[in-house]
N, C-alpha and C. Protein backbone atom coordinates (compact mmCIF):
# COMPACT_ATOMS: atom_id res chain seq x y z
N MET A 1 0.83 -1.25 0.02
CA MET A 1 -0.05 0.10 -0.04
C MET A 1 0.84 1.18 0.02
N SER A 2 0.46 2.27 -0.62
CA SER A 2 1.11 3.49 -0.64
C SER A 2 0.18 4.71 -0.34
N LEU A 3 0.71 5.83 0.02
CA LEU A 3 -0.09 6.97 0.47
C LEU A 3 -0.89 7.44 -0.78
N LYS A 4 -2.10 7.90 -0.56
CA LYS A 4 -3.02 8.48 -1.68
C LYS A 4 -3.01 10.01 -1.51
N MET A 5 -2.58 10.46 -0.32
CA MET A 5 -2.55 11.99 -0.11
C MET A 5 -1.24 12.25 0.62
N THR A 6 -0.69 13.53 0.53
CA THR A 6 0.37 14.03 1.24
C THR A 6 -0.19 14.76 2.46
N ALA A 7 0.66 14.97 3.37
CA ALA A 7 0.41 15.74 4.59
C ALA A 7 -0.21 17.04 4.23
N GLU A 8 0.52 17.78 3.20
CA GLU A 8 -0.18 19.06 2.67
C GLU A 8 -1.50 18.98 2.11
N GLU A 9 -1.73 17.99 1.43
CA GLU A 9 -3.11 17.79 0.76
C GLU A 9 -4.08 17.50 1.95
N ILE A 10 -3.70 16.67 2.87
CA ILE A 10 -4.71 16.43 3.98
C ILE A 10 -5.00 17.76 4.65
N MET A 11 -4.00 18.52 4.95
CA MET A 11 -4.24 19.75 5.63
C MET A 11 -5.19 20.69 4.78
N GLU A 12 -4.93 20.71 3.57
CA GLU A 12 -5.87 21.64 2.71
C GLU A 12 -7.20 21.06 2.68
N PHE A 13 -7.40 19.75 2.61
CA PHE A 13 -8.68 19.08 2.63
C PHE A 13 -9.42 19.42 4.07
N LEU A 14 -8.71 19.23 5.11
CA LEU A 14 -9.27 19.60 6.38
C LEU A 14 -9.77 20.91 6.47
N ALA A 15 -8.92 21.89 5.93
CA ALA A 15 -9.28 23.37 6.13
C ALA A 15 -10.63 23.57 5.24
N GLU A 16 -10.74 22.89 4.03
CA GLU A 16 -11.87 22.98 3.28
C GLU A 16 -13.28 22.43 3.84
N GLU A 17 -13.05 21.14 4.36
CA GLU A 17 -14.11 20.43 4.72
C GLU A 17 -14.65 20.69 6.25
N PHE A 18 -13.51 21.02 7.01
CA PHE A 18 -13.64 21.34 8.49
C PHE A 18 -13.07 22.58 8.92
N PRO A 19 -13.58 23.73 8.38
CA PRO A 19 -12.83 24.98 8.83
C PRO A 19 -12.94 25.30 10.16
N GLN A 20 -13.80 24.79 10.96
CA GLN A 20 -13.95 25.07 12.27
C GLN A 20 -12.59 24.52 13.21
N VAL A 21 -11.77 23.67 12.64
CA VAL A 21 -10.55 23.25 13.24
C VAL A 21 -9.27 23.72 12.70
N THR A 22 -9.43 24.65 11.72
CA THR A 22 -8.27 25.20 10.90
C THR A 22 -7.29 25.79 11.96
N GLY A 23 -5.98 25.41 11.90
CA GLY A 23 -5.05 26.06 12.75
C GLY A 23 -4.91 25.26 14.11
N GLU A 24 -5.77 24.38 14.42
CA GLU A 24 -5.70 23.63 15.71
C GLU A 24 -4.82 22.43 15.55
N PHE A 25 -4.55 21.76 14.40
CA PHE A 25 -3.77 20.56 14.19
C PHE A 25 -2.82 20.80 13.08
N THR A 26 -1.61 20.08 13.19
CA THR A 26 -0.68 20.08 12.22
C THR A 26 -0.02 18.56 12.04
N ILE A 27 -0.07 18.16 10.83
CA ILE A 27 0.66 16.81 10.66
C ILE A 27 2.14 16.94 10.64
N GLU A 28 2.83 16.39 11.51
CA GLU A 28 4.24 16.55 11.63
C GLU A 28 4.91 15.50 10.83
N GLU A 29 4.29 14.13 10.69
CA GLU A 29 4.89 13.15 9.99
C GLU A 29 3.75 12.46 9.32
N LEU A 30 3.82 11.99 8.14
CA LEU A 30 2.81 11.00 7.62
C LEU A 30 3.56 9.98 6.76
N ASP A 31 3.23 8.78 7.07
CA ASP A 31 3.84 7.64 6.33
C ASP A 31 2.80 6.59 6.33
N GLU A 32 3.07 5.60 5.50
CA GLU A 32 2.05 4.40 5.30
C GLU A 32 1.58 3.83 6.70
N MET A 33 0.34 3.96 6.97
CA MET A 33 -0.34 3.44 8.13
C MET A 33 0.14 4.12 9.36
N ARG A 34 0.63 5.36 9.35
CA ARG A 34 1.11 6.08 10.50
C ARG A 34 0.99 7.58 10.29
N ALA A 35 0.73 8.27 11.33
CA ALA A 35 0.68 9.77 11.39
C ALA A 35 1.11 10.25 12.82
N ARG A 36 1.78 11.37 12.74
CA ARG A 36 2.18 12.14 14.04
C ARG A 36 1.51 13.48 13.84
N VAL A 37 0.74 13.83 14.79
CA VAL A 37 -0.09 15.12 14.63
C VAL A 37 0.07 15.82 16.02
N ARG A 38 0.10 17.21 15.70
CA ARG A 38 0.31 18.11 16.95
C ARG A 38 -1.06 18.92 17.08
N LEU A 39 -1.42 18.92 18.28
CA LEU A 39 -2.50 19.95 18.77
C LEU A 39 -1.82 21.15 19.36
N HIS A 40 -2.16 22.17 18.64
CA HIS A 40 -1.59 23.54 19.09
C HIS A 40 -2.54 23.96 20.19
N VAL A 41 -2.18 23.82 21.46
CA VAL A 41 -2.98 24.04 22.61
C VAL A 41 -3.13 25.47 22.91
N GLY A 42 -4.43 25.95 22.96
CA GLY A 42 -4.72 27.22 23.31
C GLY A 42 -5.59 27.23 24.55
N GLU A 43 -6.13 28.49 24.93
CA GLU A 43 -6.87 28.65 26.06
C GLU A 43 -8.13 27.77 25.98
N ARG A 44 -8.81 27.69 24.77
CA ARG A 44 -10.06 27.01 24.55
C ARG A 44 -9.92 25.44 24.82
N HIS A 45 -8.58 25.02 25.04
CA HIS A 45 -8.41 23.49 25.24
C HIS A 45 -8.15 23.22 26.72
N LEU A 46 -8.15 24.29 27.49
CA LEU A 46 -7.76 24.06 28.96
C LEU A 46 -8.95 24.00 29.79
N ARG A 47 -8.74 23.12 30.91
CA ARG A 47 -9.73 23.11 31.96
C ARG A 47 -9.14 23.87 33.15
N PRO A 48 -9.92 23.98 34.39
CA PRO A 48 -9.43 24.78 35.46
C PRO A 48 -8.18 23.96 35.87
N GLY A 49 -7.26 24.86 36.31
CA GLY A 49 -5.84 24.37 36.59
C GLY A 49 -4.78 24.33 35.50
N GLY A 50 -5.27 24.70 34.26
CA GLY A 50 -4.31 24.95 33.24
C GLY A 50 -4.03 23.72 32.39
N THR A 51 -4.52 22.54 32.80
CA THR A 51 -4.25 21.27 32.01
C THR A 51 -5.20 21.08 30.89
N VAL A 52 -4.79 20.27 29.77
CA VAL A 52 -5.63 20.18 28.65
C VAL A 52 -6.74 19.37 28.93
N SER A 53 -8.01 19.54 28.44
CA SER A 53 -9.14 18.92 28.82
C SER A 53 -9.21 17.59 28.13
N GLY A 54 -10.01 16.78 28.64
CA GLY A 54 -10.18 15.45 28.06
C GLY A 54 -10.81 15.39 26.49
N PRO A 55 -11.90 16.34 26.36
CA PRO A 55 -12.39 16.49 25.03
C PRO A 55 -11.27 16.90 24.02
N ALA A 56 -10.37 17.70 24.33
CA ALA A 56 -9.35 18.11 23.51
C ALA A 56 -8.29 16.83 23.15
N LEU A 57 -8.07 16.00 24.26
CA LEU A 57 -7.26 14.84 23.95
C LEU A 57 -8.02 13.91 22.91
N PHE A 58 -9.37 13.72 23.20
CA PHE A 58 -10.18 12.97 22.32
C PHE A 58 -10.09 13.35 20.88
N ALA A 59 -10.13 14.77 20.77
CA ALA A 59 -10.22 15.43 19.42
C ALA A 59 -8.86 15.13 18.80
N LEU A 60 -7.83 15.18 19.45
CA LEU A 60 -6.37 14.88 18.87
C LEU A 60 -6.37 13.46 18.38
N ALA A 61 -6.72 12.54 19.31
CA ALA A 61 -6.74 11.12 18.96
C ALA A 61 -7.58 10.85 17.71
N ASP A 62 -8.81 11.43 17.70
CA ASP A 62 -9.69 11.16 16.59
C ASP A 62 -9.15 11.64 15.34
N VAL A 63 -8.57 12.87 15.36
CA VAL A 63 -8.18 13.59 13.94
C VAL A 63 -6.83 12.87 13.55
N ALA A 64 -6.03 12.33 14.54
CA ALA A 64 -4.91 11.74 14.12
C ALA A 64 -5.20 10.32 13.33
N VAL A 65 -6.23 9.66 13.84
CA VAL A 65 -6.67 8.35 13.10
C VAL A 65 -7.28 8.79 11.62
N TYR A 66 -8.12 9.86 11.65
CA TYR A 66 -8.73 10.28 10.47
C TYR A 66 -7.61 10.70 9.48
N MET A 67 -6.56 11.41 9.95
CA MET A 67 -5.62 11.81 8.89
C MET A 67 -4.89 10.68 8.38
N ALA A 68 -4.41 9.66 9.32
CA ALA A 68 -3.76 8.48 8.82
C ALA A 68 -4.57 7.79 7.85
N VAL A 69 -5.81 7.52 7.99
CA VAL A 69 -6.82 6.95 7.19
C VAL A 69 -6.88 7.68 5.83
N LEU A 70 -7.05 8.98 5.84
CA LEU A 70 -7.10 9.70 4.58
C LEU A 70 -5.79 9.50 3.81
N GLY A 71 -4.66 9.55 4.53
CA GLY A 71 -3.39 9.35 3.93
C GLY A 71 -3.38 7.99 3.06
N MET A 72 -4.08 7.04 3.56
CA MET A 72 -4.22 5.77 2.82
C MET A 72 -5.24 5.74 1.88
N ILE A 73 -6.40 6.31 2.01
CA ILE A 73 -7.50 6.00 1.11
C ILE A 73 -7.87 7.25 0.22
N GLY A 74 -7.24 8.39 0.60
CA GLY A 74 -7.60 9.54 -0.21
C GLY A 74 -8.74 10.39 0.36
N PRO A 75 -9.06 11.48 -0.30
CA PRO A 75 -10.10 12.44 0.40
C PRO A 75 -11.45 12.01 0.51
N LYS A 76 -11.86 11.38 1.59
CA LYS A 76 -13.22 10.84 1.92
C LYS A 76 -13.76 11.64 3.16
N ALA A 77 -14.54 12.65 3.04
CA ALA A 77 -15.13 13.43 4.18
C ALA A 77 -16.01 12.58 4.99
N LEU A 78 -16.61 11.55 4.37
CA LEU A 78 -17.56 10.84 5.08
C LEU A 78 -17.10 9.52 5.83
N ALA A 79 -15.74 9.37 5.96
CA ALA A 79 -15.08 8.42 6.82
C ALA A 79 -15.41 8.86 8.17
N VAL A 80 -16.05 7.99 8.93
CA VAL A 80 -16.40 8.48 10.33
C VAL A 80 -16.08 7.55 11.43
N THR A 81 -15.81 8.11 12.58
CA THR A 81 -15.52 7.32 13.74
C THR A 81 -16.78 6.46 14.20
N THR A 82 -16.61 5.15 14.40
CA THR A 82 -17.67 4.25 14.90
C THR A 82 -17.41 3.75 16.26
N ASN A 83 -16.28 3.82 16.77
CA ASN A 83 -16.03 3.44 18.08
C ASN A 83 -14.57 4.09 18.57
N CYS A 84 -14.65 4.33 19.97
CA CYS A 84 -13.40 4.97 20.53
C CYS A 84 -13.32 4.53 21.93
N SER A 85 -12.19 4.15 22.26
CA SER A 85 -11.80 4.02 23.81
C SER A 85 -10.65 4.66 24.02
N ILE A 86 -10.71 5.53 25.16
CA ILE A 86 -9.56 6.23 25.43
C ILE A 86 -9.19 6.06 26.98
N ASP A 87 -8.01 5.88 27.37
CA ASP A 87 -7.51 5.83 28.73
C ASP A 87 -6.72 7.24 28.88
N PHE A 88 -7.21 7.94 29.90
CA PHE A 88 -6.46 9.14 30.42
C PHE A 88 -5.34 8.60 31.44
N MET A 89 -4.14 8.57 31.04
CA MET A 89 -3.10 7.89 31.96
C MET A 89 -2.50 8.78 32.99
N ARG A 90 -2.21 10.04 32.61
CA ARG A 90 -1.50 11.00 33.48
C ARG A 90 -1.93 12.38 32.96
N LYS A 91 -1.68 13.32 33.94
CA LYS A 91 -2.04 14.70 33.56
C LYS A 91 -1.05 15.36 32.51
N PRO A 92 -1.73 15.97 31.48
CA PRO A 92 -0.68 16.54 30.48
C PRO A 92 -0.06 17.79 31.10
N ALA A 93 1.18 18.20 30.61
CA ALA A 93 1.77 19.37 31.17
C ALA A 93 0.91 20.45 30.78
N ALA A 94 0.96 21.56 31.68
CA ALA A 94 0.14 22.65 31.61
C ALA A 94 0.56 23.47 30.40
N ARG A 95 -0.52 23.90 29.50
CA ARG A 95 -0.26 24.78 28.47
C ARG A 95 0.76 24.35 27.45
N THR A 96 0.79 23.04 27.30
CA THR A 96 1.83 22.58 26.37
C THR A 96 1.29 21.86 25.19
N ASP A 97 1.73 22.01 23.95
CA ASP A 97 1.21 21.23 22.88
C ASP A 97 1.20 19.85 23.09
N LEU A 98 0.22 19.03 22.49
CA LEU A 98 0.15 17.53 22.57
C LEU A 98 0.56 17.01 21.23
N ILE A 99 1.27 15.93 21.26
CA ILE A 99 1.60 15.07 20.07
C ILE A 99 0.96 13.74 20.15
N ALA A 100 0.22 13.40 19.04
CA ALA A 100 -0.33 12.05 18.88
C ALA A 100 0.52 11.36 17.91
N GLN A 101 0.80 9.98 18.36
CA GLN A 101 1.48 9.17 17.50
C GLN A 101 0.51 7.99 17.20
N CYS A 102 0.02 8.01 15.83
CA CYS A 102 -1.01 7.11 15.43
C CYS A 102 -0.41 6.04 14.60
N ARG A 103 -0.98 4.85 14.86
CA ARG A 103 -0.63 3.64 13.90
C ARG A 103 -1.86 2.96 13.58
N LEU A 104 -2.15 2.86 12.22
CA LEU A 104 -3.36 1.97 11.82
C LEU A 104 -2.91 0.48 11.92
N LEU A 105 -3.80 -0.26 12.55
CA LEU A 105 -3.52 -1.68 12.87
C LEU A 105 -4.15 -2.42 11.72
N LYS A 106 -5.35 -1.95 11.26
CA LYS A 106 -5.99 -2.65 10.16
C LYS A 106 -6.66 -1.51 9.14
N LEU A 107 -6.53 -1.78 7.89
CA LEU A 107 -7.11 -0.98 7.01
C LEU A 107 -7.87 -1.91 6.04
N GLY A 108 -9.14 -2.18 6.16
CA GLY A 108 -10.00 -3.10 5.32
C GLY A 108 -10.74 -2.17 4.36
N ARG A 109 -11.61 -2.88 3.74
CA ARG A 109 -12.56 -2.23 2.72
C ARG A 109 -13.49 -1.27 3.40
N VAL A 110 -14.12 -1.75 4.57
CA VAL A 110 -15.05 -0.90 5.16
C VAL A 110 -14.73 -0.25 6.62
N LEU A 111 -13.67 -1.00 7.20
CA LEU A 111 -13.32 -0.52 8.58
C LEU A 111 -11.82 -0.24 8.63
N ALA A 112 -11.43 0.65 9.42
CA ALA A 112 -10.03 0.91 9.66
C ALA A 112 -9.87 0.97 11.27
N VAL A 113 -8.94 0.31 11.93
CA VAL A 113 -8.66 0.44 13.28
C VAL A 113 -7.29 0.95 13.61
N GLY A 114 -7.21 2.03 14.44
CA GLY A 114 -6.03 2.53 14.77
C GLY A 114 -5.91 2.60 16.26
N GLU A 115 -4.61 2.92 16.69
CA GLU A 115 -4.33 3.11 18.04
C GLU A 115 -3.29 4.41 18.12
N VAL A 116 -3.52 5.20 19.20
CA VAL A 116 -2.88 6.55 19.24
C VAL A 116 -2.30 6.53 20.73
N LEU A 117 -1.11 6.99 20.82
CA LEU A 117 -0.48 7.48 22.06
C LEU A 117 -0.29 8.97 21.98
N VAL A 118 -0.78 9.68 23.05
CA VAL A 118 -0.72 11.09 23.14
C VAL A 118 0.41 11.48 24.17
N PHE A 119 1.17 12.30 23.85
CA PHE A 119 2.32 12.78 24.70
C PHE A 119 2.18 14.37 24.80
N SER A 120 2.60 14.88 25.97
CA SER A 120 2.90 16.33 26.11
C SER A 120 4.08 16.51 25.38
N GLU A 121 4.31 17.71 24.70
CA GLU A 121 5.54 17.88 23.91
C GLU A 121 6.69 17.84 24.99
N GLY A 122 7.73 17.13 24.39
CA GLY A 122 8.87 17.01 25.13
C GLY A 122 8.91 15.89 26.23
N GLY A 123 7.72 15.37 26.47
CA GLY A 123 7.47 14.23 27.40
C GLY A 123 7.72 13.01 26.77
N ASP A 124 8.26 12.03 27.77
CA ASP A 124 8.58 10.53 27.17
C ASP A 124 7.49 9.64 27.70
N GLN A 125 6.52 9.92 28.48
CA GLN A 125 5.47 9.06 29.08
C GLN A 125 4.12 9.52 28.38
N PRO A 126 3.30 8.64 27.94
CA PRO A 126 1.98 8.94 27.33
C PRO A 126 1.10 9.52 28.23
N VAL A 127 0.31 10.53 27.94
CA VAL A 127 -0.80 11.15 28.80
C VAL A 127 -2.06 10.33 28.57
N ALA A 128 -2.18 9.86 27.35
CA ALA A 128 -3.41 9.05 26.98
C ALA A 128 -3.11 8.11 25.83
N ARG A 129 -3.93 7.01 25.81
CA ARG A 129 -3.88 6.05 24.85
C ARG A 129 -5.40 5.85 24.31
N ALA A 130 -5.48 5.72 23.01
CA ALA A 130 -6.67 5.56 22.42
C ALA A 130 -6.83 4.46 21.38
N SER A 131 -7.86 3.81 21.17
CA SER A 131 -8.18 2.81 20.06
C SER A 131 -9.40 3.27 19.37
N LEU A 132 -9.37 3.46 18.06
CA LEU A 132 -10.55 4.06 17.43
C LEU A 132 -10.79 3.15 16.15
N THR A 133 -12.03 3.06 15.85
CA THR A 133 -12.51 2.27 14.63
C THR A 133 -13.23 3.33 13.78
N TYR A 134 -12.76 3.41 12.43
CA TYR A 134 -13.44 4.31 11.50
C TYR A 134 -14.14 3.40 10.48
N SER A 135 -15.32 3.93 9.97
CA SER A 135 -16.11 3.31 8.91
C SER A 135 -15.67 4.01 7.67
N ILE A 136 -15.31 3.24 6.72
CA ILE A 136 -14.86 3.91 5.30
C ILE A 136 -16.08 3.83 4.33
N PRO A 137 -16.27 4.93 3.78
CA PRO A 137 -17.50 4.99 2.76
C PRO A 137 -17.24 4.12 1.64
N PRO A 138 -18.27 3.49 0.98
CA PRO A 138 -17.98 2.66 -0.21
C PRO A 138 -17.43 3.53 -1.32
N LYS A 139 -16.75 2.82 -2.11
CA LYS A 139 -16.01 3.37 -3.25
C LYS A 139 -17.10 3.90 -4.33
N ASP A 140 -16.75 4.88 -4.87
CA ASP A 140 -17.77 5.57 -5.91
C ASP A 140 -18.01 4.82 -7.00
């Protein structure tokens, strides 16, 4: 299997189809069945105490799998999350960007399964671990 979209093409697609998240995420690396994605943490992502909120961690894990899937199948806006399990393992560093390391475990005709480890920038211990399943729309 080879990539069907580059990181730049995915970012352009995301800006076009999901303008509400423009500027929040950056693909740092994209390879076959893998993606490394950054959440640019801002005030809107914080909960009391200055730590990154659970919903922001979920969004990062979700978009990382979505980007890895798009890299492999091409621009499919209707690829959707059908399942997610996330473990919040430790408190993220205050006001620090988060990095998701995503690996697709299975890429089938109708389903993709991925796992994500989320780290605070510069940290060596994951702050969260997620497993997600995506439904892939039928080919045109």
